[in-house]
Amino acid sequence: MAPLPRPQASTVRAIYDAYEAAAESWDSLGISVGEANAPCDRQLWYSFRWASPLEKHHGRQLRLFATGNLEEDRLVEDLQRIGVDVYGQQDRIRLVGSHVRGKCDGKAMGIPEAPKTEHLLEFKSSNAKGMKEIIKKGCKEAKPLHYGQCQLGMHAFGLTRCLYLVSCKDDDTLYAERIEYDAEFTLRLLARLERIINSPVPPSRISEKPDWYECLFCRHKAVCKEAAWLRVTCRSCLHSTPEMGGDGHWSCARWSKPISFDEQKSGCPAHLHIPDLVPGEQIDVDEESETISYRLHSGALWIDGAANDNEPGATNA
């Protein structure tokens, strides 16, 4: 018999609990630049539409995030120590009608390889295995999400170079790569993101196979491949539309008004699911009563929008 694991020390458990108690969960206003180059269109669409429950991180993860923030400060100090001028930390990135969003780690002048060229700064940390891969293959191949983030940041600020600086958590090895702005790559990525944002229905999956390797740890797997119901928010309602005016706003066709961030989260009694998100077949629409009837995969009848029966999965005889 395998030995029983040693119990976690009460002190450690208390520290982790304190991190969890202080943690806040929130929905992203748009698509994060750090996720924008993800391989699956539907994954990005689900994130943009708040499809899945908010992620809850346990204390060890939260402490690890805090360690990453400390390492960013340390990397800034490392650059300043060799005479690099660092500025613009946390400057905002807003693209595609401000629906693609993020912040940069900074900008810099005086990078030794090209001291007169202004660089975007992108800081990351990695374990030894990941660092070996980055050193061998470079950012674009080893870390496509990081590469997309660097390209979008350069595009947003009109820069042509990015210093991608990675520290190894295991032995403090540093890796630096100067990434050149790739206009063709970035414009293709922005066009893809605009198409995803403006799509009223979920795009195609990256694979229809239930055990596809890229889907195994996706936070939207339950909604995408296991017929789970989406969260009821304005973003899962067929009346809502992301506007492209440049401020990241959404509007509601049912009430003919813009909808605030708080309103989007709470929804309203007139909510109607985007039909493609209901795990069943649409069989009827009643425009006067503002209801849509479905035959669910279970065989039950469900009427979306019914006055006293608007919970996902509720059935009528």
C-alpha atoms as a PDB file:
ATOM      1  CA  MET A   1       0.000   0.000   0.000  1.00  0.00           C
ATOM      2  CA  ALA A   2       1.252   3.454  -0.865  1.00  0.00           C
ATOM      3  CA  PRO A   3       2.220   5.581   2.139  1.00  0.00           C
ATOM      4  CA  LEU A   4      -0.364   8.104   3.287  1.00  0.00           C
ATOM      5  CA  PRO A   5       0.525  11.732   2.459  1.00  0.00           C
ATOM      6  CA  ARG A   6       1.637  13.882   5.351  1.00  0.00           C
ATOM      7  CA  PRO A   7      -1.038  16.340   6.483  1.00  0.00           C
ATOM      8  CA  GLN A   8      -0.573  19.956   5.473  1.00  0.00           C
ATOM      9  CA  ALA A   9       0.733  22.117   8.300  1.00  0.00           C
ATOM     10  CA  SER A  10      -1.881  24.358   9.901  1.00  0.00           C
ATOM     11  CA  THR A  11       0.366  27.383   9.343  1.00  0.00           C
ATOM     12  CA  VAL A  12       0.588  26.701   5.603  1.00  0.00           C
ATOM     13  CA  ARG A  13      -3.134  26.077   5.373  1.00  0.00           C
ATOM     14  CA  ALA A  14      -3.849  29.327   7.210  1.00  0.00           C
ATOM     15  CA  ILE A  15      -1.587  31.291   4.829  1.00  0.00           C
ATOM     16  CA  TYR A  16      -3.290  29.824   1.776  1.00  0.00           C
ATOM     17  CA  ASP A  17      -6.714  30.492   3.307  1.00  0.00           C
ATOM     18  CA  ALA A  18      -5.731  34.133   3.866  1.00  0.00           C
ATOM     19  CA  TYR A  19      -4.818  34.505   0.204  1.00  0.00           C
ATOM     20  CA  GLU A  20      -8.156  33.002  -0.826  1.00  0.00           C
ATOM     21  CA  ALA A  21     -10.090  35.237   1.556  1.00  0.00           C
ATOM     22  CA  ALA A  22      -8.462  38.347   0.096  1.00  0.00           C
ATOM     23  CA  ALA A  23      -8.833  37.252  -3.532  1.00  0.00           C
ATOM     24  CA  GLU A  24     -11.291  38.883  -5.889  1.00  0.00           C
ATOM     25  CA  SER A  25     -12.791  37.264  -8.974  1.00  0.00           C
ATOM     26  CA  TRP A  26     -13.951  39.356 -11.873  1.00  0.00           C
ATOM     27  CA  ASP A  27     -15.001  39.013 -15.484  1.00  0.00           C
ATOM     28  CA  SER A  28     -12.723  40.434 -18.134  1.00  0.00           C
ATOM     29  CA  LEU A  29     -14.268  43.289 -20.098  1.00  0.00           C
ATOM     30  CA  GLY A  30     -12.901  41.794 -23.309  1.00  0.00           C
ATOM     31  CA  ILE A  31     -10.404  39.362 -24.791  1.00  0.00           C
ATOM     32  CA  SER A  32      -7.076  39.519 -22.976  1.00  0.00           C
ATOM     33  CA  VAL A  33      -4.032  40.229 -25.121  1.00  0.00           C
ATOM     34  CA  GLY A  34      -2.377  37.367 -23.232  1.00  0.00           C
ATOM     35  CA  GLU A  35      -4.944  34.902 -24.622  1.00  0.00           C
ATOM     36  CA  ALA A  36      -5.551  36.494 -28.022  1.00  0.00           C
ATOM     37  CA  ASN A  37      -3.320  34.090 -29.967  1.00  0.00           C
ATOM     38  CA  ALA A  38      -4.983  30.979 -28.524  1.00  0.00           C
ATOM     39  CA  PRO A  39      -5.509  28.321 -31.197  1.00  0.00           C
ATOM     40  CA  CYS A  40      -9.279  27.857 -30.749  1.00  0.00           C
ATOM     41  CA  ASP A  41     -11.727  30.511 -31.986  1.00  0.00           C
ATOM     42  CA  ARG A  42     -14.533  29.061 -29.908  1.00  0.00           C
ATOM     43  CA  GLN A  43     -12.473  29.213 -26.722  1.00  0.00           C
ATOM     44  CA  LEU A  44     -11.930  32.947 -27.259  1.00  0.00           C
ATOM     45  CA  TRP A  45     -15.612  33.477 -28.079  1.00  0.00           C
ATOM     46  CA  TYR A  46     -16.707  31.663 -24.909  1.00  0.00           C
ATOM     47  CA  SER A  47     -14.343  33.765 -22.805  1.00  0.00           C
ATOM     48  CA  PHE A  48     -15.627  36.950 -24.424  1.00  0.00           C
ATOM     49  CA  ARG A  49     -19.231  35.859 -23.789  1.00  0.00           C
ATOM     50  CA  TRP A  50     -18.589  34.859 -20.131  1.00  0.00           C
ATOM     51  CA  ALA A  51     -19.719  31.335 -20.885  1.00  0.00           C
ATOM     52  CA  SER A  52     -18.250  29.519 -17.890  1.00  0.00           C
ATOM     53  CA  PRO A  53     -18.263  30.170 -14.140  1.00  0.00           C
ATOM     54  CA  LEU A  54     -15.567  32.455 -12.799  1.00  0.00           C
ATOM     55  CA  GLU A  55     -12.342  30.626 -12.051  1.00  0.00           C
ATOM     56  CA  LYS A  56     -11.516  30.243  -8.384  1.00  0.00           C
ATOM     57  CA  HIS A  57      -7.842  29.835  -7.544  1.00  0.00           C
ATOM     58  CA  HIS A  58      -6.574  28.189  -4.387  1.00  0.00           C
ATOM     59  CA  GLY A  59      -4.084  29.813  -2.086  1.00  0.00           C
ATOM     60  CA  ARG A  60      -0.920  28.329  -3.560  1.00  0.00           C
ATOM     61  CA  GLN A  61      -1.842  29.590  -7.028  1.00  0.00           C
ATOM     62  CA  LEU A  62      -2.640  33.049  -5.701  1.00  0.00           C
ATOM     63  CA  ARG A  63       0.707  33.189  -3.939  1.00  0.00           C
ATOM     64  CA  LEU A  64       2.397  32.127  -7.172  1.00  0.00           C
ATOM     65  CA  PHE A  65       0.684  35.008  -9.008  1.00  0.00           C
ATOM     66  CA  ALA A  66       1.999  37.395  -6.366  1.00  0.00           C
ATOM     67  CA  THR A  67       5.495  35.968  -6.851  1.00  0.00           C
ATOM     68  CA  GLY A  68       5.195  36.743 -10.566  1.00  0.00           C
ATOM     69  CA  ASN A  69       4.428  40.376  -9.761  1.00  0.00           C
ATOM     70  CA  LEU A  70       7.484  40.567  -7.512  1.00  0.00           C
ATOM     71  CA  GLU A  71       9.638  39.112 -10.291  1.00  0.00           C
ATOM     72  CA  GLU A  72       8.408  41.779 -12.715  1.00  0.00           C
ATOM     73  CA  ASP A  73       9.648  44.461 -10.299  1.00  0.00           C
ATOM     74  CA  ARG A  74      12.953  42.659 -10.026  1.00  0.00           C
ATOM     75  CA  LEU A  75      13.391  42.512 -13.806  1.00  0.00           C
ATOM     76  CA  VAL A  76      12.742  46.253 -14.027  1.00  0.00           C
ATOM     77  CA  GLU A  77      15.450  46.790 -11.410  1.00  0.00           C
ATOM     78  CA  ASP A  78      17.799  44.507 -13.371  1.00  0.00           C
ATOM     79  CA  LEU A  79      17.342  46.603 -16.517  1.00  0.00           C
ATOM     80  CA  GLN A  80      17.759  49.869 -14.651  1.00  0.00           C
ATOM     81  CA  ARG A  81      20.926  48.501 -13.060  1.00  0.00           C
ATOM     82  CA  ILE A  82      22.554  48.273 -16.512  1.00  0.00           C
ATOM     83  CA  GLY A  83      21.428  51.756 -17.527  1.00  0.00           C
ATOM     84  CA  VAL A  84      18.164  50.989 -19.343  1.00  0.00           C
ATOM     85  CA  ASP A  85      15.477  53.667 -19.015  1.00  0.00           C
ATOM     86  CA  VAL A  86      12.194  51.898 -18.128  1.00  0.00           C
ATOM     87  CA  TYR A  87       8.860  53.719 -18.220  1.00  0.00           C
ATOM     88  CA  GLY A  88       5.207  53.273 -19.135  1.00  0.00           C
ATOM     89  CA  GLN A  89       4.588  50.311 -16.847  1.00  0.00           C
ATOM     90  CA  GLN A  90       0.959  49.189 -16.985  1.00  0.00           C
ATOM     91  CA  ASP A  91       0.072  51.449 -19.921  1.00  0.00           C
ATOM     92  CA  ARG A  92      -3.232  50.229 -21.330  1.00  0.00           C
ATOM     93  CA  ILE A  93      -3.636  48.307 -24.591  1.00  0.00           C
ATOM     94  CA  ARG A  94      -6.987  48.786 -26.327  1.00  0.00           C
ATOM     95  CA  LEU A  95      -7.677  47.239 -29.742  1.00  0.00           C
ATOM     96  CA  VAL A  96     -10.655  46.122 -31.877  1.00  0.00           C
ATOM     97  CA  GLY A  97     -13.116  48.635 -30.485  1.00  0.00           C
ATOM     98  CA  SER A  98     -11.442  48.265 -27.048  1.00  0.00           C
ATOM     99  CA  HIS A  99     -12.751  44.687 -26.838  1.00  0.00           C
ATOM    100  CA  VAL A 100      -9.157  43.366 -26.925  1.00  0.00           C
ATOM    101  CA  ARG A 101      -7.526  44.616 -23.764  1.00  0.00           C
ATOM    102  CA  GLY A 102      -4.463  44.430 -21.602  1.00  0.00           C
ATOM    103  CA  LYS A 103      -1.531  46.271 -20.069  1.00  0.00           C
ATOM    104  CA  CYS A 104       2.131  46.282 -20.975  1.00  0.00           C
ATOM    105  CA  ASP A 105       4.961  45.540 -18.569  1.00  0.00           C
ATOM    106  CA  GLY A 106       6.678  48.694 -19.738  1.00  0.00           C
ATOM    107  CA  LYS A 107       8.672  50.386 -22.473  1.00  0.00           C
ATOM    108  CA  ALA A 108      12.377  51.046 -22.577  1.00  0.00           C
ATOM    109  CA  MET A 109      15.215  52.943 -24.170  1.00  0.00           C
ATOM    110  CA  GLY A 110      18.853  51.931 -23.915  1.00  0.00           C
ATOM    111  CA  ILE A 111      18.560  48.181 -24.514  1.00  0.00           C
ATOM    112  CA  PRO A 112      22.223  47.173 -25.087  1.00  0.00           C
ATOM    113  CA  GLU A 113      21.575  45.469 -28.443  1.00  0.00           C
ATOM    114  CA  ALA A 114      19.872  48.591 -29.849  1.00  0.00           C
ATOM    115  CA  PRO A 115      20.154  51.511 -27.405  1.00  0.00           C
ATOM    116  CA  LYS A 116      18.473  54.085 -29.670  1.00  0.00           C
ATOM    117  CA  THR A 117      15.385  51.944 -30.410  1.00  0.00           C
ATOM    118  CA  GLU A 118      12.336  52.141 -28.177  1.00  0.00           C
ATOM    119  CA  HIS A 119      11.248  48.677 -27.070  1.00  0.00           C
ATOM    120  CA  LEU A 120       8.090  47.240 -25.612  1.00  0.00           C
ATOM    121  CA  LEU A 121       8.848  45.172 -22.507  1.00  0.00           C
ATOM    122  CA  GLU A 122       7.241  41.802 -21.884  1.00  0.00           C
ATOM    123  CA  PHE A 123       8.327  39.941 -18.742  1.00  0.00           C
ATOM    124  CA  LYS A 124       7.627  36.272 -18.048  1.00  0.00           C
ATOM    125  CA  SER A 125       8.842  33.559 -15.696  1.00  0.00           C
ATOM    126  CA  SER A 126       9.162  29.846 -16.373  1.00  0.00           C
ATOM    127  CA  ASN A 127      10.247  26.597 -14.783  1.00  0.00           C
ATOM    128  CA  ALA A 128      13.413  24.883 -16.009  1.00  0.00           C
ATOM    129  CA  LYS A 129      11.592  22.655 -18.500  1.00  0.00           C
ATOM    130  CA  GLY A 130       9.745  25.565 -20.061  1.00  0.00           C
ATOM    131  CA  MET A 131      12.895  27.684 -20.120  1.00  0.00           C
ATOM    132  CA  LYS A 132      14.765  24.975 -22.010  1.00  0.00           C
ATOM    133  CA  GLU A 133      12.019  24.973 -24.625  1.00  0.00           C
ATOM    134  CA  ILE A 134      12.056  28.766 -24.957  1.00  0.00           C
ATOM    135  CA  ILE A 135      15.838  28.860 -25.357  1.00  0.00           C
ATOM    136  CA  LYS A 136      15.722  26.088 -27.966  1.00  0.00           C
ATOM    137  CA  LYS A 137      12.789  27.286 -30.071  1.00  0.00           C
ATOM    138  CA  GLY A 138      12.328  30.974 -29.320  1.00  0.00           C
ATOM    139  CA  CYS A 139       9.180  32.789 -28.229  1.00  0.00           C
ATOM    140  CA  LYS A 140       7.103  32.394 -31.407  1.00  0.00           C
ATOM    141  CA  GLU A 141       7.261  28.613 -31.471  1.00  0.00           C
ATOM    142  CA  ALA A 142       7.640  27.797 -27.782  1.00  0.00           C
ATOM    143  CA  LYS A 143       5.135  30.335 -26.401  1.00  0.00           C
ATOM    144  CA  PRO A 144       2.626  31.429 -29.079  1.00  0.00           C
ATOM    145  CA  LEU A 145       0.428  33.198 -26.513  1.00  0.00           C
ATOM    146  CA  HIS A 146       3.382  35.313 -25.398  1.00  0.00           C
ATOM    147  CA  TYR A 147       4.296  36.014 -29.021  1.00  0.00           C
ATOM    148  CA  GLY A 148       0.786  37.243 -29.811  1.00  0.00           C
ATOM    149  CA  GLN A 149       0.854  39.438 -26.710  1.00  0.00           C
ATOM    150  CA  CYS A 150       4.163  40.988 -27.792  1.00  0.00           C
ATOM    151  CA  GLN A 151       2.897  41.666 -31.317  1.00  0.00           C
ATOM    152  CA  LEU A 152      -0.362  43.240 -30.144  1.00  0.00           C
ATOM    153  CA  GLY A 153       1.510  45.411 -27.657  1.00  0.00           C
ATOM    154  CA  MET A 154       3.900  46.689 -30.310  1.00  0.00           C
ATOM    155  CA  HIS A 155       0.978  47.373 -32.637  1.00  0.00           C
ATOM    156  CA  ALA A 156      -0.943  49.281 -29.962  1.00  0.00           C
ATOM    157  CA  PHE A 157       1.978  51.592 -29.172  1.00  0.00           C
ATOM    158  CA  GLY A 158       3.420  51.921 -32.660  1.00  0.00           C
ATOM    159  CA  LEU A 159       6.684  50.165 -31.767  1.00  0.00           C
ATOM    160  CA  THR A 160       8.833  47.921 -33.948  1.00  0.00           C
ATOM    161  CA  ARG A 161      10.737  45.937 -31.304  1.00  0.00           C
ATOM    162  CA  CYS A 162       9.891  44.111 -28.085  1.00  0.00           C
ATOM    163  CA  LEU A 163      12.294  42.855 -25.442  1.00  0.00           C
ATOM    164  CA  TYR A 164      10.950  39.495 -24.268  1.00  0.00           C
ATOM    165  CA  LEU A 165      12.684  38.836 -20.956  1.00  0.00           C
ATOM    166  CA  VAL A 166      12.154  35.532 -19.139  1.00  0.00           C
ATOM    167  CA  SER A 167      13.491  34.419 -15.749  1.00  0.00           C
ATOM    168  CA  CYS A 168      13.754  30.790 -14.660  1.00  0.00           C
ATOM    169  CA  LYS A 169      12.099  30.058 -11.334  1.00  0.00           C
ATOM    170  CA  ASP A 170      14.422  27.138 -10.632  1.00  0.00           C
ATOM    171  CA  ASP A 171      17.898  28.621 -11.117  1.00  0.00           C
ATOM    172  CA  ASP A 172      17.441  32.338 -11.956  1.00  0.00           C
ATOM    173  CA  THR A 173      18.672  31.910 -15.526  1.00  0.00           C
ATOM    174  CA  LEU A 174      17.622  34.853 -17.714  1.00  0.00           C
ATOM    175  CA  TYR A 175      16.617  34.668 -21.378  1.00  0.00           C
ATOM    176  CA  ALA A 176      16.266  37.759 -23.559  1.00  0.00           C
ATOM    177  CA  GLU A 177      14.927  37.881 -27.095  1.00  0.00           C
ATOM    178  CA  ARG A 178      14.337  40.944 -29.256  1.00  0.00           C
ATOM    179  CA  ILE A 179      11.152  40.333 -31.207  1.00  0.00           C
ATOM    180  CA  GLU A 180      10.502  42.266 -34.384  1.00  0.00           C
ATOM    181  CA  TYR A 181       7.049  43.629 -35.169  1.00  0.00           C
ATOM    182  CA  ASP A 182       5.364  41.417 -37.777  1.00  0.00           C
ATOM    183  CA  ALA A 183       2.665  43.513 -39.447  1.00  0.00           C
ATOM    184  CA  GLU A 184       1.202  40.646 -41.485  1.00  0.00           C
ATOM    185  CA  PHE A 185       0.915  38.345 -38.479  1.00  0.00           C
ATOM    186  CA  THR A 186      -0.610  41.073 -36.323  1.00  0.00           C
ATOM    187  CA  LEU A 187      -3.144  42.285 -38.878  1.00  0.00           C
ATOM    188  CA  ARG A 188      -4.261  38.706 -39.484  1.00  0.00           C
ATOM    189  CA  LEU A 189      -4.633  38.195 -35.739  1.00  0.00           C
ATOM    190  CA  LEU A 190      -6.627  41.421 -35.354  1.00  0.00           C
ATOM    191  CA  ALA A 191      -8.913  40.432 -38.238  1.00  0.00           C
ATOM    192  CA  ARG A 192      -9.474  37.061 -36.591  1.00  0.00           C
ATOM    193  CA  LEU A 193     -10.267  38.676 -33.241  1.00  0.00           C
ATOM    194  CA  GLU A 194     -12.690  41.124 -34.866  1.00  0.00           C
ATOM    195  CA  ARG A 195     -14.492  38.229 -36.564  1.00  0.00           C
ATOM    196  CA  ILE A 196     -14.765  36.356 -33.242  1.00  0.00           C
ATOM    197  CA  ILE A 197     -16.001  39.435 -31.367  1.00  0.00           C
ATOM    198  CA  ASN A 198     -18.652  40.233 -33.962  1.00  0.00           C
ATOM    199  CA  SER A 199     -19.887  36.665 -34.370  1.00  0.00           C
ATOM    200  CA  PRO A 200     -23.411  36.275 -32.921  1.00  0.00           C
ATOM    201  CA  VAL A 201     -22.925  32.504 -32.685  1.00  0.00           C
ATOM    202  CA  PRO A 202     -20.020  30.377 -31.452  1.00  0.00           C
ATOM    203  CA  PRO A 203     -17.336  29.704 -34.089  1.00  0.00           C
ATOM    204  CA  SER A 204     -16.214  26.206 -35.019  1.00  0.00           C
ATOM    205  CA  ARG A 205     -14.371  24.106 -32.455  1.00  0.00           C
ATOM    206  CA  ILE A 206     -10.698  23.399 -32.890  1.00  0.00           C
ATOM    207  CA  SER A 207     -11.672  19.693 -32.928  1.00  0.00           C
ATOM    208  CA  GLU A 208     -14.884  17.691 -32.646  1.00  0.00           C
ATOM    209  CA  LYS A 209     -13.084  14.856 -30.863  1.00  0.00           C
ATOM    210  CA  PRO A 210     -14.199  14.735 -27.207  1.00  0.00           C
ATOM    211  CA  ASP A 211     -10.692  13.861 -26.009  1.00  0.00           C
ATOM    212  CA  TRP A 212      -8.736  16.300 -28.203  1.00  0.00           C
ATOM    213  CA  TYR A 213      -5.558  17.171 -26.305  1.00  0.00           C
ATOM    214  CA  GLU A 214      -5.972  20.956 -26.595  1.00  0.00           C
ATOM    215  CA  CYS A 215      -9.445  20.686 -25.029  1.00  0.00           C
ATOM    216  CA  LEU A 216      -8.528  18.604 -21.986  1.00  0.00           C
ATOM    217  CA  PHE A 217      -7.730  21.541 -19.700  1.00  0.00           C
ATOM    218  CA  CYS A 218      -9.861  24.230 -21.365  1.00  0.00           C
ATOM    219  CA  ARG A 219     -12.042  26.002 -18.803  1.00  0.00           C
ATOM    220  CA  HIS A 220     -14.918  25.956 -21.300  1.00  0.00           C
ATOM    221  CA  LYS A 221     -14.875  22.204 -21.922  1.00  0.00           C
ATOM    222  CA  ALA A 222     -18.104  21.594 -20.005  1.00  0.00           C
ATOM    223  CA  VAL A 223     -20.003  24.186 -22.043  1.00  0.00           C
ATOM    224  CA  CYS A 224     -18.386  23.296 -25.344  1.00  0.00           C
ATOM    225  CA  LYS A 225     -18.387  19.507 -25.298  1.00  0.00           C
ATOM    226  CA  GLU A 226     -20.469  18.333 -22.351  1.00  0.00           C
ATOM    227  CA  ALA A 227     -23.737  20.219 -23.007  1.00  0.00           C
ATOM    228  CA  ALA A 228     -23.466  22.343 -19.853  1.00  0.00           C
ATOM    229  CA  TRP A 229     -25.561  25.503 -19.700  1.00  0.00           C
ATOM    230  CA  LEU A 230     -23.882  28.876 -20.081  1.00  0.00           C
ATOM    231  CA  ARG A 231     -24.079  31.511 -17.381  1.00  0.00           C
ATOM    232  CA  VAL A 232     -27.105  33.765 -17.697  1.00  0.00           C
ATOM    233  CA  THR A 233     -25.685  37.214 -18.429  1.00  0.00           C
ATOM    234  CA  CYS A 234     -26.352  39.786 -21.101  1.00  0.00           C
ATOM    235  CA  ARG A 235     -23.480  38.332 -23.099  1.00  0.00           C
ATOM    236  CA  SER A 236     -25.291  34.998 -23.513  1.00  0.00           C
ATOM    237  CA  CYS A 237     -28.487  36.770 -24.623  1.00  0.00           C
ATOM    238  CA  LEU A 238     -29.483  37.067 -28.274  1.00  0.00           C
ATOM    239  CA  HIS A 239     -30.485  40.719 -27.755  1.00  0.00           C
ATOM    240  CA  SER A 240     -26.933  41.880 -26.917  1.00  0.00           C
ATOM    241  CA  THR A 241     -24.275  43.180 -29.312  1.00  0.00           C
ATOM    242  CA  PRO A 242     -20.676  44.285 -28.735  1.00  0.00           C
ATOM    243  CA  GLU A 243     -20.327  47.737 -30.241  1.00  0.00           C
ATOM    244  CA  MET A 244     -17.255  48.746 -32.214  1.00  0.00           C
ATOM    245  CA  GLY A 245     -17.217  52.447 -31.357  1.00  0.00           C
ATOM    246  CA  GLY A 246     -13.907  52.229 -29.559  1.00  0.00           C
ATOM    247  CA  ASP A 247     -14.994  52.173 -25.921  1.00  0.00           C
ATOM    248  CA  GLY A 248     -15.714  48.460 -25.455  1.00  0.00           C
ATOM    249  CA  HIS A 249     -19.426  49.028 -24.929  1.00  0.00           C
ATOM    250  CA  TRP A 250     -22.321  46.620 -25.484  1.00  0.00           C
ATOM    251  CA  SER A 251     -25.899  47.410 -26.452  1.00  0.00           C
ATOM    252  CA  CYS A 252     -29.273  45.707 -25.993  1.00  0.00           C
ATOM    253  CA  ALA A 253     -31.699  45.533 -28.950  1.00  0.00           C
ATOM    254  CA  ARG A 254     -34.595  44.552 -26.655  1.00  0.00           C
ATOM    255  CA  TRP A 255     -34.394  47.757 -24.619  1.00  0.00           C
ATOM    256  CA  SER A 256     -32.658  49.905 -27.281  1.00  0.00           C
ATOM    257  CA  LYS A 257     -29.976  51.071 -24.887  1.00  0.00           C
ATOM    258  CA  PRO A 258     -26.321  50.637 -24.012  1.00  0.00           C
ATOM    259  CA  ILE A 259     -25.726  48.156 -21.212  1.00  0.00           C
ATOM    260  CA  SER A 260     -23.188  48.824 -18.485  1.00  0.00           C
ATOM    261  CA  PHE A 261     -20.715  46.297 -17.156  1.00  0.00           C
ATOM    262  CA  ASP A 262     -22.805  45.698 -14.026  1.00  0.00           C
ATOM    263  CA  GLU A 263     -25.984  45.319 -16.096  1.00  0.00           C
ATOM    264  CA  GLN A 264     -24.253  42.803 -18.331  1.00  0.00           C
ATOM    265  CA  LYS A 265     -23.365  40.644 -15.353  1.00  0.00           C
ATOM    266  CA  SER A 266     -26.861  40.622 -13.844  1.00  0.00           C
ATOM    267  CA  GLY A 267     -28.926  40.302 -17.030  1.00  0.00           C
ATOM    268  CA  CYS A 268     -32.642  41.050 -17.059  1.00  0.00           C
ATOM    269  CA  PRO A 269     -36.018  39.229 -17.127  1.00  0.00           C
ATOM    270  CA  ALA A 270     -36.152  39.552 -20.932  1.00  0.00           C
ATOM    271  CA  HIS A 271     -33.044  37.383 -21.333  1.00  0.00           C
ATOM    272  CA  LEU A 272     -33.217  34.873 -24.185  1.00  0.00           C
ATOM    273  CA  HIS A 273     -30.374  32.434 -24.751  1.00  0.00           C
ATOM    274  CA  ILE A 274     -28.476  32.564 -28.011  1.00  0.00           C
ATOM    275  CA  PRO A 275     -30.145  29.511 -29.629  1.00  0.00           C
ATOM    276  CA  ASP A 276     -26.833  27.863 -30.560  1.00  0.00           C
ATOM    277  CA  LEU A 277     -25.969  27.755 -26.858  1.00  0.00           C
ATOM    278  CA  VAL A 278     -29.008  25.736 -25.814  1.00  0.00           C
ATOM    279  CA  PRO A 279     -28.330  21.963 -25.654  1.00  0.00           C
ATOM    280  CA  GLY A 280     -31.316  21.050 -27.778  1.00  0.00           C
ATOM    281  CA  GLU A 281     -33.299  21.780 -30.931  1.00  0.00           C
ATOM    282  CA  GLN A 282     -35.292  24.976 -31.437  1.00  0.00           C
ATOM    283  CA  ILE A 283     -38.872  24.042 -32.319  1.00  0.00           C
ATOM    284  CA  ASP A 284     -40.950  27.225 -31.969  1.00  0.00           C
ATOM    285  CA  VAL A 285     -40.804  30.995 -31.532  1.00  0.00           C
ATOM    286  CA  ASP A 286     -43.583  33.183 -30.099  1.00  0.00           C
ATOM    287  CA  GLU A 287     -42.683  36.801 -30.872  1.00  0.00           C
ATOM    288  CA  GLU A 288     -45.659  38.228 -28.985  1.00  0.00           C
ATOM    289  CA  SER A 289     -44.810  36.495 -25.709  1.00  0.00           C
ATOM    290  CA  GLU A 290     -41.064  36.697 -26.419  1.00  0.00           C
ATOM    291  CA  THR A 291     -40.406  33.008 -25.877  1.00  0.00           C
ATOM    292  CA  ILE A 292     -38.480  30.338 -27.741  1.00  0.00           C
ATOM    293  CA  SER A 293     -39.290  26.648 -27.334  1.00  0.00           C
ATOM    294  CA  TYR A 294     -36.699  23.895 -27.457  1.00  0.00           C
ATOM    295  CA  ARG A 295     -36.648  20.127 -27.381  1.00  0.00           C
ATOM    296  CA  LEU A 296     -33.662  19.393 -25.166  1.00  0.00           C
ATOM    297  CA  HIS A 297     -31.291  16.503 -25.783  1.00  0.00           C
ATOM    298  CA  SER A 298     -32.940  14.784 -22.809  1.00  0.00           C
ATOM    299  CA  GLY A 299     -36.239  14.824 -24.716  1.00  0.00           C
ATOM    300  CA  ALA A 300     -37.853  17.397 -22.410  1.00  0.00           C
ATOM    301  CA  LEU A 301     -39.567  20.552 -23.666  1.00  0.00           C
ATOM    302  CA  TRP A 302     -38.079  23.827 -22.418  1.00  0.00           C
ATOM    303  CA  ILE A 303     -39.497  27.295 -23.065  1.00  0.00           C
ATOM    304  CA  ASP A 304     -36.931  30.064 -22.823  1.00  0.00           C
ATOM    305  CA  GLY A 305     -38.443  33.336 -21.645  1.00  0.00           C
ATOM    306  CA  ALA A 306     -41.550  31.825 -20.033  1.00  0.00           C
ATOM    307  CA  ALA A 307     -42.719  34.067 -17.185  1.00  0.00           C
ATOM    308  CA  ASN A 308     -42.228  31.596 -14.334  1.00  0.00           C
ATOM    309  CA  ASP A 309     -39.958  29.115 -16.008  1.00  0.00           C
ATOM    310  CA  ASN A 310     -36.811  30.848 -17.116  1.00  0.00           C
ATOM    311  CA  GLU A 311     -34.192  28.716 -15.434  1.00  0.00           C
ATOM    312  CA  PRO A 312     -31.934  26.766 -17.791  1.00  0.00           C
ATOM    313  CA  GLY A 313     -32.905  23.110 -17.824  1.00  0.00           C
ATOM    314  CA  ALA A 314     -36.425  23.691 -16.481  1.00  0.00           C
ATOM    315  CA  THR A 315     -39.018  21.594 -18.280  1.00  0.00           C
ATOM    316  CA  ASN A 316     -42.658  21.682 -19.209  1.00  0.00           C
ATOM    317  CA  ALA A 317     -44.873  18.696 -19.816  1.00  0.00           C
END
